[in-house]
């Protein structure tokens, strides 16, 4: 199945954008959010039109069916990411909430003043700010791992930040700003040498290839549904069952309780313990449909398609004078994300002019300001590809960049 066949699965990709007749859409902002296939859209639509009811405890037909669909989605996702037990899959709003859950529930009671958390300068703000807030409350020490000039992690430098006080290491599987693929297994192994727990931000990892949380060896893994052709407002925190059941609730409310009395409450085990209130039922079911869709395409097909786009776009961009591509020079060390600057134009100007041609990219700091500071830039233009993009999209991007160069002389 080629990209042209797959493109037809995504209704939004057939539209035009801009004033008047507009220009055919070239969507290259996939690292921010992916578009949704008809399969996912119809699954969510069908739920609301024919199946909508609240889950758990309902004894009527709709409630029992909705509960079954919600539970099946959890099982599908557990299988897709290699989780040994569906009860280890917690539905959250996205990667940001997953990280905050771990910071509040796991780290909050286990860490004392002077304990250390290791993180890298390439992290998304969602994997920085929760730890800064926790460090301020608890008197913790944040240990920062720098990146090389090519935007990669040096494992010796990573190891050097650990000590006997290190309680946790947190890092992205893939950099959202550069596309760098981090050596996650090796980084987990180093953390284990020091007895530290590990959380992996998989927001940019899951969309680009098969993930097996057991093989990675971390304690927690987080990702967002909207970056993996699923609905907005749904994501997953995977955690080791023994850790999850030892953690206090993140929020209190319905469905996470066993018994409530005036004197106190007792709580259920994972995953219900961390899913207080009415969850995003349609989102979870839609995310299950997204993984079904991706599984039918096949992760190998996805990886081959995106690798071709990355190599083709990188080679073409390198032919243009005045462009600086940040991140690994070796396309085998990154996913299909190209972050670049131009000598003659600000990233926001690049994005604005490309938009007049119907080309959607991202411009700015990409919620990775410490990384931008490392490379001494205020921001970059970022083109990020998905399996439904094509070489024609790359050619349109290159034509747009030549228009930017012409405009700014």
Protein backbone atom coordinates (compact mmCIF):
# COMPACT_ATOMS: atom_id res chain seq x y z
CA UNK A 1 0.00 0.00 0.00
CA UNK A 2 1.61 3.30 -1.07
CA UNK A 3 1.20 6.80 0.32
CA UNK A 4 -1.37 7.72 -2.36
CA UNK A 5 -3.60 4.83 -1.28
CA UNK A 6 -3.22 5.78 2.38
CA UNK A 7 -3.82 9.47 1.73
CA UNK A 8 -7.38 8.63 0.65
CA UNK A 9 -8.04 7.32 4.17
CA UNK A 10 -7.63 10.84 5.57
CA UNK A 11 -10.51 13.12 4.52
CA UNK A 12 -8.83 16.38 5.52
CA UNK A 13 -5.91 15.80 3.14
CA UNK A 14 -8.18 16.29 0.12
CA UNK A 15 -9.14 19.84 1.03
CA UNK A 16 -7.71 23.15 -0.08
CA UNK A 17 -6.64 25.90 2.32
CA UNK A 18 -6.29 29.64 2.06
CA UNK A 19 -8.38 32.44 0.48
CA UNK A 20 -10.34 32.03 -2.71
CA UNK A 21 -9.96 28.65 -4.34
CA UNK A 22 -7.06 27.99 -2.00
CA UNK A 23 -4.14 25.64 -2.47
CA UNK A 24 -4.14 21.86 -2.03
CA UNK A 25 -3.15 21.11 1.54
CA UNK A 26 0.35 19.80 2.22
CA UNK A 27 0.30 18.83 5.88
CA UNK A 28 3.80 18.64 7.37
CA UNK A 29 3.04 19.38 11.02
CA UNK A 30 2.65 15.79 12.13
CA UNK A 31 4.91 16.10 15.17
CA UNK A 32 2.38 18.56 16.59
CA UNK A 33 -0.62 16.38 15.76
CA UNK A 34 -1.45 13.79 13.14
CA UNK A 35 -4.50 13.76 10.93
CA UNK A 36 -7.22 11.18 11.55
CA UNK A 37 -8.19 8.34 9.23
CA UNK A 38 -11.79 7.73 8.31
CA UNK A 39 -11.68 4.57 10.46
CA UNK A 40 -11.11 6.58 13.64
CA UNK A 41 -13.57 9.34 12.72
CA UNK A 42 -16.32 6.84 11.98
CA UNK A 43 -15.63 4.85 15.15
CA UNK A 44 -16.04 7.93 17.35
CA UNK A 45 -19.07 9.09 15.34
CA UNK A 46 -20.71 5.66 15.62
CA UNK A 47 -20.17 5.60 19.37
CA UNK A 48 -21.98 8.90 19.86
CA UNK A 49 -24.77 8.10 17.40
CA UNK A 50 -25.50 4.53 18.43
CA UNK A 51 -23.60 3.44 21.57
CA UNK A 52 -23.20 6.40 23.90
CA UNK A 53 -23.56 5.66 27.63
CA UNK A 54 -21.48 5.99 30.76
CA UNK A 55 -19.34 2.99 31.60
CA UNK A 56 -19.08 0.77 34.69
CA UNK A 57 -21.87 -0.01 37.14
CA UNK A 58 -24.62 0.48 34.55
CA UNK A 59 -26.85 -2.57 34.13
CA UNK A 60 -28.58 -1.43 30.95
CA UNK A 61 -27.66 -2.52 27.43
CA UNK A 62 -25.88 0.66 26.28
CA UNK A 63 -23.78 0.96 29.42
CA UNK A 64 -22.65 -2.64 29.29
CA UNK A 65 -21.74 -2.33 25.59
CA UNK A 66 -19.85 0.92 26.17
CA UNK A 67 -17.96 -0.69 29.05
CA UNK A 68 -17.02 -3.65 26.87
CA UNK A 69 -15.80 -1.36 24.08
CA UNK A 70 -13.75 0.71 26.53
CA UNK A 71 -12.18 -2.39 28.05
CA UNK A 72 -11.44 -3.87 24.62
CA UNK A 73 -9.66 -0.66 23.64
CA UNK A 74 -7.40 -1.00 26.67
CA UNK A 75 -6.62 -4.60 25.70
CA UNK A 76 -5.85 -3.62 22.09
CA UNK A 77 -3.45 -0.90 23.19
CA UNK A 78 -1.76 -3.15 25.75
CA UNK A 79 -1.10 -5.69 23.01
CA UNK A 80 0.12 -3.01 20.59
CA UNK A 81 2.78 -1.68 22.99
CA UNK A 82 3.83 -5.03 24.45
CA UNK A 83 2.33 -4.46 27.91
CA UNK A 84 2.15 -7.75 29.85
CA UNK A 85 -1.13 -6.80 31.53
CA UNK A 86 -3.94 -4.50 30.29
CA UNK A 87 -4.30 -3.28 33.88
CA UNK A 88 -0.95 -1.52 33.38
CA UNK A 89 -2.50 0.74 30.72
CA UNK A 90 -3.99 3.88 32.26
CA UNK A 91 -6.05 6.23 30.12
CA UNK A 92 -5.12 9.88 30.63
CA UNK A 93 -5.60 13.06 28.59
CA UNK A 94 -2.17 12.75 27.00
CA UNK A 95 1.57 12.62 27.65
CA UNK A 96 1.48 15.77 29.77
CA UNK A 97 -1.05 14.37 32.22
CA UNK A 98 0.76 11.03 32.31
CA UNK A 99 4.01 12.71 33.36
CA UNK A 100 2.23 14.85 35.94
CA UNK A 101 0.57 11.72 37.32
CA UNK A 102 3.95 10.08 37.88
CA UNK A 103 5.40 13.27 39.37
CA UNK A 104 2.50 13.56 41.80
CA UNK A 105 1.75 9.96 42.70
CA UNK A 106 5.02 8.07 42.28
CA UNK A 107 7.64 10.68 43.01
CA UNK A 108 5.75 12.80 45.50
CA UNK A 109 5.92 10.33 48.40
CA UNK A 110 9.20 8.58 47.58
CA UNK A 111 11.61 11.49 47.21
CA UNK A 112 13.28 13.56 49.92
CA UNK A 113 15.27 16.79 49.89
CA UNK A 114 18.58 16.30 48.11
CA UNK A 115 17.39 13.42 45.93
CA UNK A 116 18.15 13.78 42.25
CA UNK A 117 16.28 13.52 38.96
CA UNK A 118 18.28 13.19 35.73
CA UNK A 119 16.83 14.71 32.55
CA UNK A 120 18.15 16.02 29.25
CA UNK A 121 18.17 19.44 27.62
CA UNK A 122 16.22 18.03 24.65
CA UNK A 123 13.06 17.38 26.69
CA UNK A 124 9.68 18.81 25.78
CA UNK A 125 8.46 21.29 28.39
CA UNK A 126 5.92 18.66 29.48
CA UNK A 127 8.85 16.55 30.69
CA UNK A 128 10.58 19.47 32.39
CA UNK A 129 8.03 21.65 34.17
CA UNK A 130 6.45 18.90 36.34
CA UNK A 131 9.90 17.98 37.65
CA UNK A 132 10.81 21.61 38.29
CA UNK A 133 7.60 22.06 40.29
CA UNK A 134 8.29 18.87 42.24
CA UNK A 135 11.91 19.87 42.85
CA UNK A 136 10.80 23.23 44.21
CA UNK A 137 8.30 21.62 46.59
CA UNK A 138 10.57 18.82 47.79
CA UNK A 139 14.04 20.36 47.60
CA UNK A 140 15.17 17.99 44.85
CA UNK A 141 18.15 18.42 42.54
CA UNK A 142 17.68 18.33 38.77
CA UNK A 143 20.72 17.02 36.89
CA UNK A 144 20.83 18.14 33.25
CA UNK A 145 22.42 16.05 30.50
CA UNK A 146 23.66 18.12 27.56
CA UNK A 147 23.51 16.98 23.94
CA UNK A 148 26.30 16.88 21.40
CA UNK A 149 26.62 19.42 18.60
CA UNK A 150 24.71 16.97 16.41
CA UNK A 151 21.83 16.90 18.91
CA UNK A 152 22.46 13.42 20.32
CA UNK A 153 22.98 11.96 23.78
CA UNK A 154 26.51 10.91 24.73
CA UNK A 155 26.05 7.89 26.99
CA UNK A 156 29.20 8.67 29.00
CA UNK A 157 27.89 12.18 29.67
CA UNK A 158 24.52 10.67 30.61
CA UNK A 159 26.12 8.24 33.08
CA UNK A 160 28.21 11.03 34.61
CA UNK A 161 25.08 12.77 35.94
CA UNK A 162 24.04 9.80 38.10
CA UNK A 163 24.96 9.28 41.73
CA UNK A 164 23.79 7.39 44.76
CA UNK A 165 21.13 10.09 45.27
CA UNK A 166 19.56 9.65 41.81
CA UNK A 167 16.02 8.39 42.20
CA UNK A 168 14.62 8.91 38.70
CA UNK A 169 15.69 9.42 35.09
CA UNK A 170 13.26 10.94 32.58
CA UNK A 171 13.91 11.31 28.87
CA UNK A 172 12.27 11.37 25.47
CA UNK A 173 12.47 8.31 23.29
CA UNK A 174 12.57 10.69 20.32
CA UNK A 175 13.20 14.45 20.32
CA UNK A 176 10.14 16.37 19.17
CA UNK A 177 12.29 19.27 17.98
CA UNK A 178 15.13 17.41 16.22
CA UNK A 179 13.78 13.94 15.54
CA UNK A 180 16.79 12.38 17.32
CA UNK A 181 16.22 8.75 18.28
CA UNK A 182 17.71 8.28 21.72
CA UNK A 183 19.40 5.00 22.76
CA UNK A 184 16.59 4.30 25.21
CA UNK A 185 17.54 0.75 26.17
CA UNK A 186 21.11 1.74 26.95
CA UNK A 187 19.92 4.76 28.93
CA UNK A 188 17.56 2.57 30.95
CA UNK A 189 20.43 0.16 31.66
CA UNK A 190 22.59 3.00 32.99
CA UNK A 191 19.80 4.18 35.28
CA UNK A 192 19.44 0.63 36.59
CA UNK A 193 23.13 0.58 37.53
CA UNK A 194 22.32 3.31 40.04
CA UNK A 195 19.00 1.87 41.17
CA UNK A 196 17.02 4.72 39.60
CA UNK A 197 13.51 4.42 38.20
CA UNK A 198 12.89 5.48 34.58
CA UNK A 199 10.10 7.32 32.77
CA UNK A 200 10.21 7.49 28.97
CA UNK A 201 8.30 10.19 27.09
CA UNK A 202 7.11 8.22 24.07
CA UNK A 203 4.99 10.96 22.49
CA UNK A 204 7.24 11.01 19.40
CA UNK A 205 8.29 7.37 19.64
CA UNK A 206 4.96 5.59 19.19
CA UNK A 207 4.00 7.35 15.92
CA UNK A 208 7.11 6.22 14.04
CA UNK A 209 7.61 2.55 14.83
CA UNK A 210 6.69 -0.48 16.88
CA UNK A 211 7.14 -0.04 20.63
CA UNK A 212 7.60 -2.82 23.18
CA UNK A 213 7.57 -1.42 26.70
CA UNK A 214 8.82 -4.71 28.14
CA UNK A 215 11.84 -4.69 25.86
CA UNK A 216 12.60 -1.05 26.64
CA UNK A 217 12.77 -1.95 30.32
CA UNK A 218 11.55 1.35 31.78
CA UNK A 219 9.14 1.71 34.70
CA UNK A 220 6.80 4.17 32.98
CA UNK A 221 6.05 5.00 29.36
CA UNK A 222 3.75 7.83 28.23
CA UNK A 223 2.25 8.84 24.91
CA UNK A 224 -0.59 10.86 23.36
CA UNK A 225 -3.32 9.54 21.08
CA UNK A 226 -3.51 12.60 18.83
CA UNK A 227 0.08 12.08 17.66
CA UNK A 228 -0.65 8.53 16.53
CA UNK A 229 -3.72 9.18 14.28
CA UNK A 230 -6.04 8.89 17.30
CA UNK A 231 -8.42 11.38 18.89
CA UNK A 232 -7.46 14.45 20.91
CA UNK A 233 -7.68 14.44 24.69
CA UNK A 234 -6.70 10.79 25.17
CA UNK A 235 -3.36 9.21 25.95
CA UNK A 236 -1.74 6.42 27.87
CA UNK A 237 0.50 6.00 30.86
CA UNK A 238 1.94 2.52 31.00
CA UNK A 239 3.55 1.51 34.26
CA UNK A 240 4.77 -1.63 35.94
CA UNK A 241 1.85 -3.19 37.80
CA UNK A 242 3.70 -3.53 41.10
CA UNK A 243 4.57 0.18 41.03
CA UNK A 244 1.10 1.33 40.02
CA UNK A 245 -0.57 -0.63 42.82
CA UNK A 246 1.83 0.90 45.35
CA UNK A 247 1.12 4.47 44.26
CA UNK A 248 -1.52 6.67 45.93
CA UNK A 249 -4.38 7.98 43.79
CA UNK A 250 -3.68 10.93 41.53
CA UNK A 251 -7.22 12.30 41.74
CA UNK A 252 -10.22 11.41 43.86
CA UNK A 253 -13.75 10.75 42.65
CA UNK A 254 -16.02 8.20 41.12
CA UNK A 255 -14.90 4.80 39.86
CA UNK A 256 -11.51 4.81 41.58
CA UNK A 257 -13.01 3.87 44.94
CA UNK A 258 -13.80 0.58 46.61
CA UNK A 259 -15.73 2.03 49.53
CA UNK A 260 -16.46 5.51 50.84
CA UNK A 261 -17.59 6.19 54.40
CA UNK A 262 -17.67 9.31 56.50
CA UNK A 263 -14.49 8.12 58.18
CA UNK A 264 -12.49 7.54 55.00
CA UNK A 265 -12.18 5.76 51.66
CA UNK A 266 -10.45 2.75 50.15
CA UNK A 267 -9.35 2.55 46.56
CA UNK A 268 -9.28 0.13 43.68
CA UNK A 269 -6.14 -1.15 42.01
CA UNK A 270 -4.76 0.03 38.67
CA UNK A 271 -6.05 1.10 36.23
CA UNK A 272 -9.27 2.27 37.90
CA UNK A 273 -7.30 3.83 40.76
CA UNK A 274 -6.00 6.48 38.34
CA UNK A 275 -9.13 7.05 36.24
CA UNK A 276 -11.34 9.10 38.52
CA UNK A 277 -14.63 10.36 37.13
CA UNK A 278 -16.12 9.76 33.71
CA UNK A 279 -13.20 9.13 31.36
CA UNK A 280 -12.85 10.03 27.70
CA UNK A 281 -14.76 6.94 26.61
CA UNK A 282 -15.05 7.82 22.94
CA UNK A 283 -11.39 8.87 22.89
CA UNK A 284 -10.22 5.55 24.28
CA UNK A 285 -12.38 3.62 21.80
CA UNK A 286 -11.11 5.83 18.98
CA UNK A 287 -7.52 5.24 20.06
CA UNK A 288 -8.13 1.51 19.94
CA UNK A 289 -9.38 1.95 16.38
CA UNK A 290 -6.25 3.95 15.53
CA UNK A 291 -4.01 1.11 16.65
CA UNK A 292 -6.12 -1.36 14.68
CA UNK A 293 -5.64 0.81 11.59
CA UNK A 294 -1.89 1.16 12.08
CA UNK A 295 -1.57 -2.56 12.72
CA UNK A 296 -3.24 -3.32 9.40
CA UNK A 297 -0.84 -1.02 7.55
CA UNK A 298 2.10 -2.57 9.40
CA UNK A 299 4.85 -0.79 11.29
CA UNK A 300 7.47 -1.92 8.79
CA UNK A 301 5.53 -0.28 5.98
CA UNK A 302 5.22 2.91 8.02
CA UNK A 303 8.92 3.00 8.85
CA UNK A 304 10.01 2.36 5.24
CA UNK A 305 7.70 5.09 3.93
CA UNK A 306 8.83 7.69 6.45
CA UNK A 307 12.51 6.78 6.01
CA UNK A 308 12.21 7.40 2.27
CA UNK A 309 10.59 10.79 2.86
CA UNK A 310 13.23 11.80 5.41
CA UNK A 311 16.14 10.85 3.19
CA UNK A 312 14.65 12.49 0.12
CA UNK A 313 13.73 15.73 1.90
CA UNK A 314 17.06 15.96 3.70
CA UNK A 315 19.05 15.52 0.50
CA UNK A 316 16.98 18.15 -1.31
CA UNK A 317 17.20 20.67 1.54
CA UNK A 318 20.98 20.30 1.70
CA UNK A 319 21.13 21.54 -1.89
CA UNK A 320 19.79 24.96 -0.83
CA UNK A 321 22.32 27.57 0.29
CA UNK A 322 21.71 29.25 3.62
CA UNK A 323 19.79 26.40 5.24
CA UNK A 324 21.03 24.85 8.48
CA UNK A 325 19.51 21.53 9.53
CA UNK A 326 19.70 20.92 13.27
CA UNK A 327 20.02 17.42 14.65
CA UNK A 328 21.80 14.26 13.54
CA UNK A 329 23.40 14.35 10.11
CA UNK A 330 22.80 10.62 9.79
CA UNK A 331 19.17 10.12 8.81
CA UNK A 332 19.36 6.65 10.34
CA UNK A 333 19.62 8.29 13.78
CA UNK A 334 16.35 10.21 13.57
CA UNK A 335 12.70 9.95 12.63
CA UNK A 336 11.02 11.90 9.83
CA UNK A 337 11.41 15.34 11.41
CA UNK A 338 13.56 18.09 9.88
CA UNK A 339 14.23 21.16 11.99
CA UNK A 340 15.98 23.94 10.09
CA UNK A 341 16.83 27.63 9.95
CA UNK A 342 17.50 29.96 7.03
CA UNK A 343 20.09 32.70 6.95
CA UNK A 344 17.71 35.15 5.32
CA UNK A 345 14.39 34.48 7.07
CA UNK A 346 12.99 34.07 10.56
CA UNK A 347 11.25 30.72 11.22
CA UNK A 348 7.89 32.46 11.62
CA UNK A 349 8.33 34.18 8.25
CA UNK A 350 9.16 30.82 6.68
CA UNK A 351 6.01 29.30 8.15
CA UNK A 352 3.85 32.23 7.10
CA UNK A 353 5.00 32.25 3.48
CA UNK A 354 4.72 28.48 3.19
CA UNK A 355 1.16 28.77 4.50
CA UNK A 356 0.26 30.96 1.51
CA UNK A 357 1.22 27.95 -0.63
CA UNK A 358 -0.98 25.59 1.37
CA UNK A 359 1.98 24.07 3.22
CA UNK A 360 1.58 23.55 6.96
CA UNK A 361 4.77 23.35 9.03
CA UNK A 362 5.59 24.38 12.60
CA UNK A 363 7.73 27.40 13.49
CA UNK A 364 9.01 28.39 16.93
CA UNK A 365 10.71 26.77 19.90
CA UNK A 366 8.55 23.61 19.80
CA UNK A 367 8.16 23.61 23.60
CA UNK A 368 11.87 22.81 23.82
CA UNK A 369 13.44 26.12 24.87
CA UNK A 370 16.43 24.61 26.73
CA UNK A 371 17.33 22.80 23.50
CA UNK A 372 16.95 26.00 21.47
CA UNK A 373 19.22 27.74 23.98
CA UNK A 374 21.77 24.94 23.53
CA UNK A 375 21.91 25.65 19.79
CA UNK A 376 21.71 29.42 20.29
CA UNK A 377 18.58 29.89 18.21
CA UNK A 378 15.24 31.39 19.16
CA UNK A 379 13.43 28.72 17.18
CA UNK A 380 13.40 26.70 14.01
CA UNK A 381 11.11 25.79 11.13
CA UNK A 382 10.09 22.15 11.49
CA UNK A 383 8.72 19.90 8.77
CA UNK A 384 7.51 16.60 10.17
CA UNK A 385 6.30 13.76 7.99
CA UNK A 386 3.89 10.87 8.38
CA UNK A 387 3.34 7.73 6.33
CA UNK A 388 0.48 9.42 4.42
CA UNK A 389 2.81 12.09 3.03
CA UNK A 390 4.53 11.68 -0.32
CA UNK A 391 7.52 12.89 -2.30
CA UNK A 392 5.13 15.28 -4.03
CA UNK A 393 4.60 16.93 -0.63
CA UNK A 394 8.37 17.27 -0.25
CA UNK A 395 8.62 18.85 -3.70
CA UNK A 396 5.91 21.35 -2.76
CA UNK A 397 7.84 22.16 0.42
CA UNK A 398 11.02 22.77 -1.54
CA UNK A 399 9.21 25.00 -4.04
CA UNK A 400 7.84 26.99 -1.10
CA UNK A 401 11.27 27.39 0.46
CA UNK A 402 12.63 28.72 -2.83
CA UNK A 403 9.79 31.27 -2.75
CA UNK A 404 10.90 32.28 0.76
CA UNK A 405 14.47 32.76 -0.48
CA UNK A 406 13.27 34.83 -3.40
CA UNK A 407 11.06 36.99 -1.17
CA UNK A 408 13.90 37.78 1.25
CA UNK A 409 16.54 38.08 -1.41
